[in-house]
Amino acid sequence: MCRMARPRKPLLSRDRIVAAALALIDDEGLGALSTRRLAAELGVSGPSLYNHFATKEAILDAVADTVVSQVDLSMFGDGRDWRTALLEWGRSYRAALTDHPRIVPYLAVGPGLRPAGLRMADAVFGGMVEAGWPPAQATRIGALMRYFVTGSALGSFAAGFVGDASAYDPADYPHLGQAHLLAAHRRQVDEGAFETGLRALVDGLAQQYAALGAARGPAPSA
């Protein structure tokens, strides 16, 4: 008589752990992630996670790096000028973070030893230095872009306003007569604000870049 094979659980892997951890963070936030909760979500015992990750922080690092790995870096080193590269990278960077806003506070502390984060830092720094920025200033540009993008992805300005017009008494807030409409148009407001800020930032850097070139003087003739 043939005996039916028992169904096998999918093998536990780093990718499965990271995907489950990211889904949990997306749904409930960083505070919801624990090795016990994650093991329960995966249908395994807690200690089995440690065959793949030594600590909860190592899992968080892998989750954060998975998000950063979605950022397009192709604009650096392919001939595009540094202004275009910063604009396109900034948009891709924000898109990756806004898909997973609840991991952003963890990402905001810097790349640590996360490979995708380090590749991004290397690409940005290298692209700026190759464009003629001094190394110190190239470092500052990478940092200020991180501050700007992560800050924009932490939350929605527009969603912070309630949809009740009576909440904004003109006697108290004479200029907020349309504030109750902001939340309903959060995408247009937030994306428009990001684009305005990004362009202003790059335009300001372009002025510094021009001043840097003027200070260097004309290139010597051959």
N, C-alpha and C. Protein backbone atom coordinates (compact mmCIF):
# COMPACT_ATOMS: atom_id res chain seq x y z
N MET A 1 0.85 -1.18 0.00
CA MET A 1 0.00 0.00 0.00
C MET A 1 0.88 1.23 0.00
N CYS A 2 0.57 2.18 -0.87
CA CYS A 2 1.36 3.41 -0.95
C CYS A 2 1.00 4.34 0.19
N ARG A 3 2.00 4.88 0.78
CA ARG A 3 1.79 5.85 1.83
C ARG A 3 1.98 7.24 1.25
N MET A 4 1.01 8.13 1.47
CA MET A 4 1.10 9.48 0.93
C MET A 4 2.18 10.26 1.66
N ALA A 5 2.94 10.96 0.89
CA ALA A 5 4.00 11.78 1.49
C ALA A 5 3.38 12.94 2.26
N ARG A 6 3.95 13.23 3.39
CA ARG A 6 3.47 14.36 4.19
C ARG A 6 3.87 15.66 3.50
N PRO A 7 2.98 16.65 3.50
CA PRO A 7 3.36 17.92 2.87
C PRO A 7 4.54 18.55 3.59
N ARG A 8 5.41 19.06 2.84
CA ARG A 8 6.61 19.67 3.42
C ARG A 8 6.43 21.18 3.51
N LYS A 9 6.89 21.73 4.62
CA LYS A 9 6.89 23.18 4.75
C LYS A 9 7.99 23.75 3.86
N PRO A 10 7.76 24.91 3.29
CA PRO A 10 8.84 25.53 2.51
C PRO A 10 10.08 25.70 3.38
N LEU A 11 11.21 25.44 2.79
CA LEU A 11 12.46 25.56 3.54
C LEU A 11 12.66 27.00 3.98
N LEU A 12 13.10 27.14 5.22
CA LEU A 12 13.40 28.47 5.73
C LEU A 12 14.67 28.98 5.06
N SER A 13 14.65 30.22 4.65
CA SER A 13 15.80 30.81 3.98
C SER A 13 15.93 32.26 4.40
N ARG A 14 17.06 32.86 4.11
CA ARG A 14 17.24 34.27 4.40
C ARG A 14 16.21 35.12 3.67
N ASP A 15 15.94 34.78 2.42
CA ASP A 15 14.99 35.57 1.64
C ASP A 15 13.59 35.51 2.25
N ARG A 16 13.17 34.31 2.69
CA ARG A 16 11.85 34.18 3.31
C ARG A 16 11.78 34.99 4.61
N ILE A 17 12.82 34.94 5.39
CA ILE A 17 12.85 35.67 6.65
C ILE A 17 12.76 37.17 6.40
N VAL A 18 13.55 37.64 5.45
CA VAL A 18 13.56 39.08 5.14
C VAL A 18 12.21 39.52 4.61
N ALA A 19 11.62 38.74 3.71
CA ALA A 19 10.32 39.10 3.14
C ALA A 19 9.25 39.17 4.22
N ALA A 20 9.27 38.20 5.14
CA ALA A 20 8.28 38.19 6.22
C ALA A 20 8.50 39.36 7.17
N ALA A 21 9.76 39.66 7.46
CA ALA A 21 10.07 40.77 8.36
C ALA A 21 9.64 42.10 7.74
N LEU A 22 9.89 42.28 6.45
CA LEU A 22 9.50 43.51 5.77
C LEU A 22 7.98 43.65 5.75
N ALA A 23 7.27 42.57 5.49
CA ALA A 23 5.81 42.62 5.48
C ALA A 23 5.27 42.99 6.85
N LEU A 24 5.88 42.45 7.90
CA LEU A 24 5.45 42.75 9.26
C LEU A 24 5.69 44.22 9.60
N ILE A 25 6.85 44.73 9.20
CA ILE A 25 7.16 46.14 9.45
C ILE A 25 6.23 47.03 8.65
N ASP A 26 6.01 46.69 7.39
CA ASP A 26 5.09 47.47 6.56
C ASP A 26 3.70 47.55 7.19
N ASP A 27 3.25 46.44 7.75
CA ASP A 27 1.89 46.39 8.29
C ASP A 27 1.77 47.04 9.67
N GLU A 28 2.79 46.83 10.52
CA GLU A 28 2.62 47.21 11.92
C GLU A 28 3.73 48.10 12.48
N GLY A 29 4.79 48.32 11.73
CA GLY A 29 5.85 49.19 12.21
C GLY A 29 7.02 48.44 12.81
N LEU A 30 8.11 49.18 13.03
CA LEU A 30 9.34 48.58 13.55
C LEU A 30 9.14 47.91 14.91
N GLY A 31 8.28 48.51 15.74
CA GLY A 31 8.08 47.98 17.07
C GLY A 31 7.45 46.60 17.10
N ALA A 32 6.82 46.20 16.02
CA ALA A 32 6.17 44.89 15.96
C ALA A 32 7.14 43.76 15.70
N LEU A 33 8.34 44.10 15.24
CA LEU A 33 9.29 43.05 14.85
C LEU A 33 10.03 42.51 16.06
N SER A 34 9.88 41.23 16.30
CA SER A 34 10.67 40.51 17.29
C SER A 34 10.94 39.14 16.70
N THR A 35 11.96 38.47 17.18
CA THR A 35 12.26 37.14 16.63
C THR A 35 11.13 36.17 16.94
N ARG A 36 10.50 36.33 18.10
CA ARG A 36 9.38 35.44 18.44
C ARG A 36 8.21 35.66 17.48
N ARG A 37 7.87 36.92 17.24
CA ARG A 37 6.74 37.22 16.35
C ARG A 37 7.07 36.78 14.93
N LEU A 38 8.29 37.02 14.50
CA LEU A 38 8.68 36.66 13.14
C LEU A 38 8.64 35.15 12.95
N ALA A 39 9.13 34.42 13.94
CA ALA A 39 9.10 32.95 13.86
C ALA A 39 7.66 32.46 13.77
N ALA A 40 6.76 33.07 14.52
CA ALA A 40 5.35 32.67 14.47
C ALA A 40 4.77 32.94 13.08
N GLU A 41 5.13 34.08 12.50
CA GLU A 41 4.63 34.40 11.16
C GLU A 41 5.11 33.37 10.13
N LEU A 42 6.29 32.85 10.34
CA LEU A 42 6.88 31.89 9.40
C LEU A 42 6.52 30.45 9.74
N GLY A 43 5.91 30.23 10.90
CA GLY A 43 5.53 28.88 11.29
C GLY A 43 6.71 28.02 11.69
N VAL A 44 7.71 28.66 12.31
CA VAL A 44 8.91 27.92 12.73
C VAL A 44 9.20 28.25 14.18
N SER A 45 10.15 27.58 14.75
CA SER A 45 10.58 27.88 16.11
C SER A 45 11.56 29.06 16.08
N GLY A 46 11.56 29.84 17.15
CA GLY A 46 12.43 31.01 17.21
C GLY A 46 13.90 30.71 16.95
N PRO A 47 14.46 29.68 17.60
CA PRO A 47 15.89 29.41 17.40
C PRO A 47 16.28 29.11 15.96
N SER A 48 15.32 28.64 15.14
CA SER A 48 15.67 28.32 13.75
C SER A 48 16.06 29.57 12.96
N LEU A 49 15.59 30.74 13.40
CA LEU A 49 15.98 31.98 12.72
C LEU A 49 17.47 32.23 12.85
N TYR A 50 18.05 31.79 13.98
CA TYR A 50 19.46 32.07 14.24
C TYR A 50 20.40 31.23 13.39
N ASN A 51 19.84 30.27 12.67
CA ASN A 51 20.67 29.56 11.69
C ASN A 51 20.99 30.45 10.49
N HIS A 52 20.22 31.54 10.34
CA HIS A 52 20.39 32.44 9.20
C HIS A 52 20.82 33.85 9.61
N PHE A 53 20.40 34.29 10.79
CA PHE A 53 20.75 35.62 11.27
C PHE A 53 21.12 35.53 12.75
N ALA A 54 22.23 36.14 13.10
CA ALA A 54 22.71 36.03 14.48
C ALA A 54 21.86 36.84 15.45
N THR A 55 21.30 37.95 15.00
CA THR A 55 20.55 38.84 15.89
C THR A 55 19.36 39.44 15.15
N LYS A 56 18.47 40.03 15.92
CA LYS A 56 17.35 40.76 15.33
C LYS A 56 17.87 41.94 14.51
N GLU A 57 18.93 42.60 14.99
CA GLU A 57 19.50 43.73 14.26
C GLU A 57 20.03 43.29 12.90
N ALA A 58 20.55 42.09 12.82
CA ALA A 58 21.03 41.58 11.53
C ALA A 58 19.86 41.39 10.56
N ILE A 59 18.71 40.99 11.09
CA ILE A 59 17.51 40.87 10.24
C ILE A 59 17.09 42.26 9.76
N LEU A 60 17.09 43.22 10.67
CA LEU A 60 16.73 44.59 10.29
C LEU A 60 17.68 45.14 9.24
N ASP A 61 18.95 44.86 9.39
CA ASP A 61 19.93 45.32 8.39
C ASP A 61 19.61 44.72 7.02
N ALA A 62 19.25 43.45 7.00
CA ALA A 62 18.94 42.80 5.73
C ALA A 62 17.66 43.37 5.12
N VAL A 63 16.68 43.66 5.96
CA VAL A 63 15.44 44.27 5.47
C VAL A 63 15.74 45.64 4.88
N ALA A 64 16.49 46.45 5.63
CA ALA A 64 16.82 47.79 5.16
C ALA A 64 17.59 47.73 3.85
N ASP A 65 18.51 46.79 3.74
CA ASP A 65 19.31 46.69 2.52
C ASP A 65 18.47 46.23 1.34
N THR A 66 17.47 45.41 1.61
CA THR A 66 16.57 44.98 0.54
C THR A 66 15.84 46.17 -0.05
N VAL A 67 15.40 47.08 0.81
CA VAL A 67 14.71 48.29 0.34
C VAL A 67 15.66 49.17 -0.47
N VAL A 68 16.85 49.40 0.05
CA VAL A 68 17.82 50.26 -0.64
C VAL A 68 18.26 49.66 -1.96
N SER A 69 18.27 48.34 -2.05
CA SER A 69 18.70 47.70 -3.30
C SER A 69 17.75 48.01 -4.46
N GLN A 70 16.56 48.52 -4.15
CA GLN A 70 15.61 48.88 -5.21
C GLN A 70 15.92 50.25 -5.83
N VAL A 71 16.83 51.00 -5.22
CA VAL A 71 17.15 52.34 -5.73
C VAL A 71 18.02 52.22 -6.98
N ASP A 72 17.65 52.94 -8.01
CA ASP A 72 18.40 52.94 -9.27
C ASP A 72 19.66 53.78 -9.10
N LEU A 73 20.80 53.20 -9.45
CA LEU A 73 22.08 53.91 -9.38
C LEU A 73 22.73 54.04 -10.76
N SER A 74 22.01 53.66 -11.80
CA SER A 74 22.60 53.61 -13.13
C SER A 74 22.98 54.98 -13.66
N MET A 75 22.42 56.03 -13.07
CA MET A 75 22.69 57.39 -13.59
C MET A 75 24.08 57.89 -13.21
N PHE A 76 24.74 57.20 -12.32
CA PHE A 76 26.10 57.59 -11.95
C PHE A 76 27.10 56.79 -12.79
N GLY A 77 27.96 57.50 -13.46
CA GLY A 77 29.00 56.84 -14.24
C GLY A 77 28.60 56.45 -15.64
N ASP A 78 27.42 56.89 -16.12
CA ASP A 78 27.02 56.52 -17.48
C ASP A 78 27.00 57.73 -18.42
N GLY A 79 27.63 58.81 -17.99
CA GLY A 79 27.73 59.97 -18.86
C GLY A 79 26.76 61.08 -18.58
N ARG A 80 25.75 60.82 -17.74
CA ARG A 80 24.82 61.89 -17.40
C ARG A 80 25.51 62.93 -16.51
N ASP A 81 25.15 64.21 -16.67
CA ASP A 81 25.78 65.23 -15.85
C ASP A 81 25.31 65.07 -14.41
N TRP A 82 26.08 65.64 -13.48
CA TRP A 82 25.84 65.40 -12.07
C TRP A 82 24.48 65.94 -11.61
N ARG A 83 23.99 67.02 -12.24
CA ARG A 83 22.69 67.56 -11.84
C ARG A 83 21.58 66.56 -12.17
N THR A 84 21.59 66.06 -13.41
CA THR A 84 20.60 65.07 -13.83
C THR A 84 20.69 63.82 -12.97
N ALA A 85 21.91 63.40 -12.68
CA ALA A 85 22.10 62.20 -11.86
C ALA A 85 21.48 62.37 -10.48
N LEU A 86 21.72 63.52 -9.85
CA LEU A 86 21.15 63.75 -8.52
C LEU A 86 19.63 63.79 -8.55
N LEU A 87 19.08 64.44 -9.56
CA LEU A 87 17.62 64.52 -9.67
C LEU A 87 17.01 63.13 -9.84
N GLU A 88 17.57 62.34 -10.75
CA GLU A 88 16.99 61.03 -11.03
C GLU A 88 17.21 60.07 -9.87
N TRP A 89 18.38 60.14 -9.27
CA TRP A 89 18.65 59.28 -8.11
C TRP A 89 17.73 59.66 -6.95
N GLY A 90 17.57 60.95 -6.70
CA GLY A 90 16.71 61.40 -5.61
C GLY A 90 15.29 60.89 -5.76
N ARG A 91 14.77 60.93 -6.98
CA ARG A 91 13.40 60.45 -7.22
C ARG A 91 13.31 58.94 -6.99
N SER A 92 14.29 58.19 -7.49
CA SER A 92 14.28 56.74 -7.30
C SER A 92 14.43 56.38 -5.83
N TYR A 93 15.29 57.07 -5.14
CA TYR A 93 15.54 56.85 -3.72
C TYR A 93 14.25 57.07 -2.92
N ARG A 94 13.58 58.19 -3.19
CA ARG A 94 12.34 58.47 -2.46
C ARG A 94 11.27 57.43 -2.79
N ALA A 95 11.18 57.03 -4.04
CA ALA A 95 10.17 56.04 -4.43
C ALA A 95 10.36 54.73 -3.66
N ALA A 96 11.61 54.31 -3.50
CA ALA A 96 11.87 53.07 -2.76
C ALA A 96 11.47 53.21 -1.30
N LEU A 97 11.75 54.37 -0.72
CA LEU A 97 11.44 54.56 0.69
C LEU A 97 9.95 54.75 0.94
N THR A 98 9.27 55.47 0.06
CA THR A 98 7.84 55.68 0.27
C THR A 98 7.04 54.41 0.07
N ASP A 99 7.60 53.41 -0.60
CA ASP A 99 6.95 52.11 -0.69
C ASP A 99 6.99 51.38 0.66
N HIS A 100 7.95 51.75 1.50
CA HIS A 100 8.13 51.09 2.80
C HIS A 100 8.45 52.14 3.87
N PRO A 101 7.55 53.07 4.14
CA PRO A 101 7.88 54.21 5.01
C PRO A 101 8.23 53.82 6.45
N ARG A 102 7.75 52.68 6.90
CA ARG A 102 7.98 52.34 8.31
C ARG A 102 9.38 51.82 8.60
N ILE A 103 10.15 51.52 7.55
CA ILE A 103 11.54 51.14 7.75
C ILE A 103 12.45 52.36 7.68
N VAL A 104 11.92 53.50 7.27
CA VAL A 104 12.74 54.69 7.06
C VAL A 104 13.49 55.14 8.31
N PRO A 105 12.88 55.14 9.51
CA PRO A 105 13.67 55.55 10.69
C PRO A 105 14.92 54.72 10.89
N TYR A 106 14.87 53.44 10.55
CA TYR A 106 16.05 52.59 10.67
C TYR A 106 17.08 52.93 9.60
N LEU A 107 16.61 53.24 8.42
CA LEU A 107 17.51 53.60 7.32
C LEU A 107 18.17 54.95 7.54
N ALA A 108 17.53 55.82 8.30
CA ALA A 108 18.01 57.19 8.44
C ALA A 108 19.34 57.28 9.17
N VAL A 109 19.74 56.22 9.86
CA VAL A 109 20.98 56.30 10.64
C VAL A 109 22.22 56.08 9.80
N GLY A 110 22.08 55.72 8.54
CA GLY A 110 23.25 55.53 7.69
C GLY A 110 23.41 54.08 7.26
N PRO A 111 24.34 53.81 6.34
CA PRO A 111 24.43 52.48 5.74
C PRO A 111 25.10 51.43 6.60
N GLY A 112 25.86 51.85 7.63
CA GLY A 112 26.57 50.85 8.42
C GLY A 112 27.44 49.99 7.54
N LEU A 113 27.25 48.68 7.62
CA LEU A 113 27.98 47.74 6.76
C LEU A 113 27.04 47.04 5.78
N ARG A 114 25.89 47.65 5.53
CA ARG A 114 24.93 47.04 4.61
C ARG A 114 25.42 47.21 3.17
N PRO A 115 25.56 46.12 2.42
CA PRO A 115 26.16 46.19 1.08
C PRO A 115 25.45 47.13 0.12
N ALA A 116 24.12 47.07 0.02
CA ALA A 116 23.42 47.94 -0.92
C ALA A 116 23.56 49.40 -0.51
N GLY A 117 23.51 49.66 0.79
CA GLY A 117 23.69 51.02 1.26
C GLY A 117 25.08 51.55 0.95
N LEU A 118 26.08 50.70 1.11
CA LEU A 118 27.45 51.11 0.81
C LEU A 118 27.66 51.31 -0.69
N ARG A 119 27.02 50.45 -1.50
CA ARG A 119 27.12 50.64 -2.96
C ARG A 119 26.50 51.98 -3.36
N MET A 120 25.40 52.34 -2.72
CA MET A 120 24.76 53.61 -3.05
C MET A 120 25.66 54.77 -2.63
N ALA A 121 26.21 54.70 -1.43
CA ALA A 121 27.12 55.77 -0.98
C ALA A 121 28.32 55.89 -1.91
N ASP A 122 28.86 54.75 -2.33
CA ASP A 122 30.02 54.74 -3.22
C ASP A 122 29.68 55.35 -4.57
N ALA A 123 28.50 55.00 -5.12
CA ALA A 123 28.10 55.51 -6.43
C ALA A 123 27.91 57.02 -6.40
N VAL A 124 27.25 57.51 -5.34
CA VAL A 124 26.99 58.95 -5.26
C VAL A 124 28.30 59.72 -5.06
N PHE A 125 29.10 59.28 -4.12
CA PHE A 125 30.37 59.95 -3.87
C PHE A 125 31.25 59.92 -5.12
N GLY A 126 31.37 58.75 -5.74
CA GLY A 126 32.19 58.63 -6.94
C GLY A 126 31.68 59.50 -8.07
N GLY A 127 30.36 59.55 -8.24
CA GLY A 127 29.78 60.37 -9.30
C GLY A 127 30.06 61.85 -9.10
N MET A 128 30.00 62.30 -7.86
CA MET A 128 30.25 63.72 -7.58
C MET A 128 31.73 64.07 -7.75
N VAL A 129 32.60 63.20 -7.30
CA VAL A 129 34.04 63.47 -7.45
C VAL A 129 34.42 63.46 -8.92
N GLU A 130 33.89 62.52 -9.68
CA GLU A 130 34.19 62.46 -11.11
C GLU A 130 33.68 63.70 -11.84
N ALA A 131 32.62 64.30 -11.30
CA ALA A 131 32.07 65.51 -11.92
C ALA A 131 32.87 66.76 -11.57
N GLY A 132 33.82 66.63 -10.65
CA GLY A 132 34.66 67.77 -10.32
C GLY A 132 34.46 68.34 -8.94
N TRP A 133 33.57 67.75 -8.15
CA TRP A 133 33.39 68.23 -6.79
C TRP A 133 34.56 67.78 -5.92
N PRO A 134 35.06 68.63 -5.03
CA PRO A 134 36.09 68.18 -4.08
C PRO A 134 35.53 67.07 -3.21
N PRO A 135 36.35 66.12 -2.79
CA PRO A 135 35.85 64.99 -2.01
C PRO A 135 35.05 65.38 -0.77
N ALA A 136 35.51 66.39 -0.05
CA ALA A 136 34.78 66.79 1.16
C ALA A 136 33.38 67.26 0.81
N GLN A 137 33.27 68.04 -0.25
CA GLN A 137 31.96 68.53 -0.65
C GLN A 137 31.10 67.40 -1.23
N ALA A 138 31.72 66.45 -1.91
CA ALA A 138 30.98 65.30 -2.42
C ALA A 138 30.36 64.50 -1.28
N THR A 139 31.10 64.38 -0.17
CA THR A 139 30.57 63.71 1.02
C THR A 139 29.37 64.46 1.57
N ARG A 140 29.47 65.79 1.62
CA ARG A 140 28.36 66.60 2.15
C ARG A 140 27.14 66.49 1.25
N ILE A 141 27.35 66.43 -0.06
CA ILE A 141 26.21 66.31 -0.98
C ILE A 141 25.47 65.00 -0.75
N GLY A 142 26.22 63.91 -0.61
CA GLY A 142 25.58 62.63 -0.32
C GLY A 142 24.80 62.66 0.97
N ALA A 143 25.38 63.31 2.00
CA ALA A 143 24.70 63.40 3.29
C ALA A 143 23.45 64.25 3.21
N LEU A 144 23.53 65.41 2.56
CA LEU A 144 22.35 66.29 2.52
C LEU A 144 21.23 65.66 1.70
N MET A 145 21.58 64.91 0.66
CA MET A 145 20.55 64.22 -0.11
C MET A 145 19.87 63.14 0.75
N ARG A 146 20.64 62.45 1.56
CA ARG A 146 20.07 61.46 2.47
C ARG A 146 19.10 62.14 3.44
N TYR A 147 19.54 63.28 4.02
CA TYR A 147 18.67 63.98 4.96
C TYR A 147 17.36 64.38 4.29
N PHE A 148 17.48 64.92 3.10
CA PHE A 148 16.31 65.43 2.40
C PHE A 148 15.35 64.31 2.01
N VAL A 149 15.90 63.25 1.41
CA VAL A 149 15.05 62.17 0.92
C VAL A 149 14.41 61.40 2.07
N THR A 150 15.21 61.03 3.07
CA THR A 150 14.63 60.27 4.18
C THR A 150 13.61 61.11 4.94
N GLY A 151 13.90 62.39 5.10
CA GLY A 151 12.93 63.26 5.77
C GLY A 151 11.62 63.33 5.03
N SER A 152 11.69 63.40 3.71
CA SER A 152 10.47 63.49 2.91
C SER A 152 9.66 62.20 2.95
N ALA A 153 10.34 61.08 3.21
CA ALA A 153 9.66 59.79 3.21
C ALA A 153 9.14 59.36 4.58
N LEU A 154 9.49 60.11 5.62
CA LEU A 154 9.09 59.73 6.97
C LEU A 154 7.59 59.85 7.19
N GLY A 155 6.97 60.77 6.52
CA GLY A 155 5.54 60.95 6.70
C GLY A 155 4.99 61.95 5.71
N SER A 156 3.68 62.13 5.77
CA SER A 156 3.01 63.03 4.85
C SER A 156 2.64 64.33 5.54
N PHE A 157 3.11 65.45 5.01
CA PHE A 157 2.71 66.76 5.52
C PHE A 157 1.21 66.96 5.33
N ALA A 158 0.73 66.65 4.14
CA ALA A 158 -0.68 66.89 3.82
C ALA A 158 -1.61 66.05 4.69
N ALA A 159 -1.21 64.82 4.99
CA ALA A 159 -2.06 63.93 5.78
C ALA A 159 -2.17 64.40 7.23
N GLY A 160 -1.35 65.35 7.63
CA GLY A 160 -1.41 65.86 8.99
C GLY A 160 -2.54 66.84 9.23
N PHE A 161 -3.28 67.17 8.20
CA PHE A 161 -4.42 68.07 8.33
C PHE A 161 -5.72 67.27 8.29
N VAL A 162 -6.66 67.63 9.14
CA VAL A 162 -7.93 66.91 9.18
C VAL A 162 -8.85 67.44 8.08
N GLY A 163 -9.82 66.62 7.70
CA GLY A 163 -10.72 67.00 6.62
C GLY A 163 -11.93 67.82 7.04
N ASP A 164 -11.93 68.29 8.27
CA ASP A 164 -13.05 69.06 8.79
C ASP A 164 -12.75 70.55 8.70
N ALA A 165 -13.48 71.25 7.85
CA ALA A 165 -13.22 72.68 7.64
C ALA A 165 -13.40 73.48 8.93
N SER A 166 -14.27 73.02 9.81
CA SER A 166 -14.53 73.77 11.05
C SER A 166 -13.34 73.74 12.01
N ALA A 167 -12.38 72.84 11.75
CA ALA A 167 -11.20 72.77 12.62
C ALA A 167 -10.28 73.97 12.45
N TYR A 168 -10.49 74.70 11.35
CA TYR A 168 -9.59 75.82 11.05
C TYR A 168 -10.39 77.12 11.06
N ASP A 169 -10.71 77.55 12.26
CA ASP A 169 -11.47 78.78 12.45
C ASP A 169 -10.68 79.95 11.88
N PRO A 170 -11.24 80.69 10.94
CA PRO A 170 -10.51 81.81 10.35
C PRO A 170 -10.11 82.87 11.37
N ALA A 171 -10.79 82.91 12.50
CA ALA A 171 -10.40 83.86 13.54
C ALA A 171 -9.04 83.48 14.13
N ASP A 172 -8.76 82.19 14.14
CA ASP A 172 -7.48 81.72 14.68
C ASP A 172 -6.45 81.47 13.59
N TYR A 173 -6.92 80.99 12.43
CA TYR A 173 -6.02 80.62 11.34
C TYR A 173 -6.50 81.26 10.05
N PRO A 174 -6.25 82.53 9.89
CA PRO A 174 -6.83 83.25 8.75
C PRO A 174 -6.34 82.79 7.38
N HIS A 175 -5.23 82.05 7.35
CA HIS A 175 -4.68 81.64 6.06
C HIS A 175 -4.87 80.14 5.78
N LEU A 176 -5.64 79.46 6.60
CA LEU A 176 -5.81 78.01 6.43
C LEU A 176 -7.23 77.64 6.01
N GLY A 177 -7.85 78.50 5.23
CA GLY A 177 -9.21 78.25 4.80
C GLY A 177 -9.37 77.02 3.93
N GLN A 178 -8.29 76.59 3.26
CA GLN A 178 -8.34 75.41 2.40
C GLN A 178 -7.58 74.22 2.99
N ALA A 179 -7.15 74.34 4.22
CA ALA A 179 -6.31 73.29 4.81
C ALA A 179 -7.04 71.96 4.92
N HIS A 180 -8.36 71.99 5.08
CA HIS A 180 -9.10 70.73 5.21
C HIS A 180 -9.11 69.92 3.92
N LEU A 181 -8.67 70.50 2.82
CA LEU A 181 -8.62 69.79 1.54
C LEU A 181 -7.28 69.09 1.30
N LEU A 182 -6.30 69.41 2.12
CA LEU A 182 -4.95 68.90 1.85
C LEU A 182 -4.86 67.38 1.93
N ALA A 183 -5.46 66.78 2.95
CA ALA A 183 -5.33 65.33 3.12
C ALA A 183 -5.88 64.57 1.93
N ALA A 184 -6.94 65.10 1.32
CA ALA A 184 -7.54 64.42 0.17
C ALA A 184 -6.65 64.51 -1.07
N HIS A 185 -5.68 65.41 -1.03
CA HIS A 185 -4.78 65.60 -2.17
C HIS A 185 -3.32 65.38 -1.73
N ARG A 186 -3.15 64.47 -0.80
CA ARG A 186 -1.83 64.29 -0.19
C ARG A 186 -0.76 63.92 -1.21
N ARG A 187 -1.10 63.08 -2.19
CA ARG A 187 -0.09 62.66 -3.14
C ARG A 187 0.43 63.85 -3.94
N GLN A 188 -0.50 64.66 -4.47
CA GLN A 188 -0.09 65.82 -5.26
C GLN A 188 0.73 66.79 -4.41
N VAL A 189 0.27 67.00 -3.16
CA VAL A 189 0.97 67.95 -2.29
C VAL A 189 2.36 67.44 -1.94
N ASP A 190 2.43 66.19 -1.49
CA ASP A 190 3.71 65.66 -1.01
C ASP A 190 4.71 65.47 -2.14
N GLU A 191 4.24 64.94 -3.27
CA GLU A 191 5.16 64.76 -4.39
C GLU A 191 5.58 66.12 -4.97
N GLY A 192 4.65 67.06 -5.02
CA GLY A 192 4.99 68.39 -5.51
C GLY A 192 6.00 69.08 -4.60
N ALA A 193 5.82 68.91 -3.29
CA ALA A 193 6.75 69.51 -2.34
C ALA A 193 8.14 68.90 -2.49
N PHE A 194 8.18 67.58 -2.65
CA PHE A 194 9.48 66.92 -2.83
C PHE A 194 10.17 67.42 -4.09
N GLU A 195 9.44 67.48 -5.19
CA GLU A 195 10.04 67.91 -6.45
C GLU A 195 10.51 69.35 -6.37
N THR A 196 9.73 70.22 -5.72
CA THR A 196 10.13 71.61 -5.55
C THR A 196 11.43 71.70 -4.74
N GLY A 197 11.48 70.96 -3.65
CA GLY A 197 12.68 70.98 -2.82
C GLY A 197 13.88 70.38 -3.49
N LEU A 198 13.66 69.28 -4.21
CA LEU A 198 14.78 68.62 -4.90
C LEU A 198 15.40 69.54 -5.93
N ARG A 199 14.55 70.19 -6.72
CA ARG A 199 15.07 71.10 -7.74
C ARG A 199 15.75 72.31 -7.12
N ALA A 200 15.19 72.82 -6.04
CA ALA A 200 15.83 73.96 -5.36
C ALA A 200 17.19 73.56 -4.81
N LEU A 201 17.27 72.35 -4.28
CA LEU A 201 18.54 71.87 -3.73
C LEU A 201 19.59 71.75 -4.83
N VAL A 202 19.22 71.13 -5.95
CA VAL A 202 20.19 70.94 -7.03
C VAL A 202 20.54 72.27 -7.68
N ASP A 203 19.57 73.18 -7.80
CA ASP A 203 19.88 74.51 -8.35
C ASP A 203 20.86 75.25 -7.45
N GLY A 204 20.68 75.12 -6.14
CA GLY A 204 21.61 75.75 -5.21
C GLY A 204 23.01 75.16 -5.33
N LEU A 205 23.09 73.85 -5.48
CA LEU A 205 24.39 73.20 -5.67
C LEU A 205 25.03 73.65 -6.98
N ALA A 206 24.22 73.86 -8.01
CA ALA A 206 24.75 74.30 -9.30
C ALA A 206 25.42 75.67 -9.16
N GLN A 207 24.86 76.53 -8.34
CA GLN A 207 25.47 77.84 -8.11
C GLN A 207 26.82 77.67 -7.40
N GLN A 208 26.87 76.76 -6.42
CA GLN A 208 28.14 76.51 -5.75
C GLN A 208 29.17 75.92 -6.72
N TYR A 209 28.70 75.05 -7.60
CA TYR A 209 29.58 74.41 -8.56
C TYR A 209 30.16 75.45 -9.53
N ALA A 210 29.31 76.39 -9.95
CA ALA A 210 29.78 77.45 -10.85
C ALA A 210 30.82 78.32 -10.14
N ALA A 211 30.56 78.63 -8.87
CA ALA A 211 31.51 79.43 -8.11
C ALA A 211 32.82 78.69 -7.91
N LEU A 212 32.73 77.40 -7.73
CA LEU A 212 33.93 76.57 -7.59
C LEU A 212 34.76 76.61 -8.87
N GLY A 213 34.07 76.54 -10.01
CA GLY A 213 34.78 76.61 -11.29
C GLY A 213 35.41 77.96 -11.50
N ALA A 214 34.73 79.02 -11.10
CA ALA A 214 35.29 80.36 -11.26
C ALA A 214 36.52 80.53 -10.39
N ALA A 215 36.48 79.95 -9.20
CA ALA A 215 37.62 80.07 -8.31
C ALA A 215 38.84 79.34 -8.84
N ARG A 216 38.60 78.26 -9.58
CA ARG A 216 39.71 77.50 -10.15
C ARG A 216 40.33 78.20 -11.34
N GLY A 217 39.51 79.02 -12.00
CA GLY A 217 40.01 79.70 -13.17
C GLY A 217 39.94 78.83 -14.40
N PRO A 218 40.24 79.37 -15.56
CA PRO A 218 40.17 78.59 -16.81
C PRO A 218 41.21 77.47 -16.82
N ALA A 219 40.83 76.40 -17.50
CA ALA A 219 41.75 75.27 -17.63
C ALA A 219 42.94 75.68 -18.49
N PRO A 220 44.13 75.21 -18.15
CA PRO A 220 45.31 75.56 -18.95
C PRO A 220 45.18 75.02 -20.37
N SER A 221 45.63 75.79 -21.35
CA SER A 221 45.56 75.35 -22.74
C SER A 221 46.65 74.31 -22.99
N ALA A 222 46.35 73.43 -23.96
CA ALA A 222 47.32 72.36 -24.28
C ALA A 222 48.53 72.95 -24.98
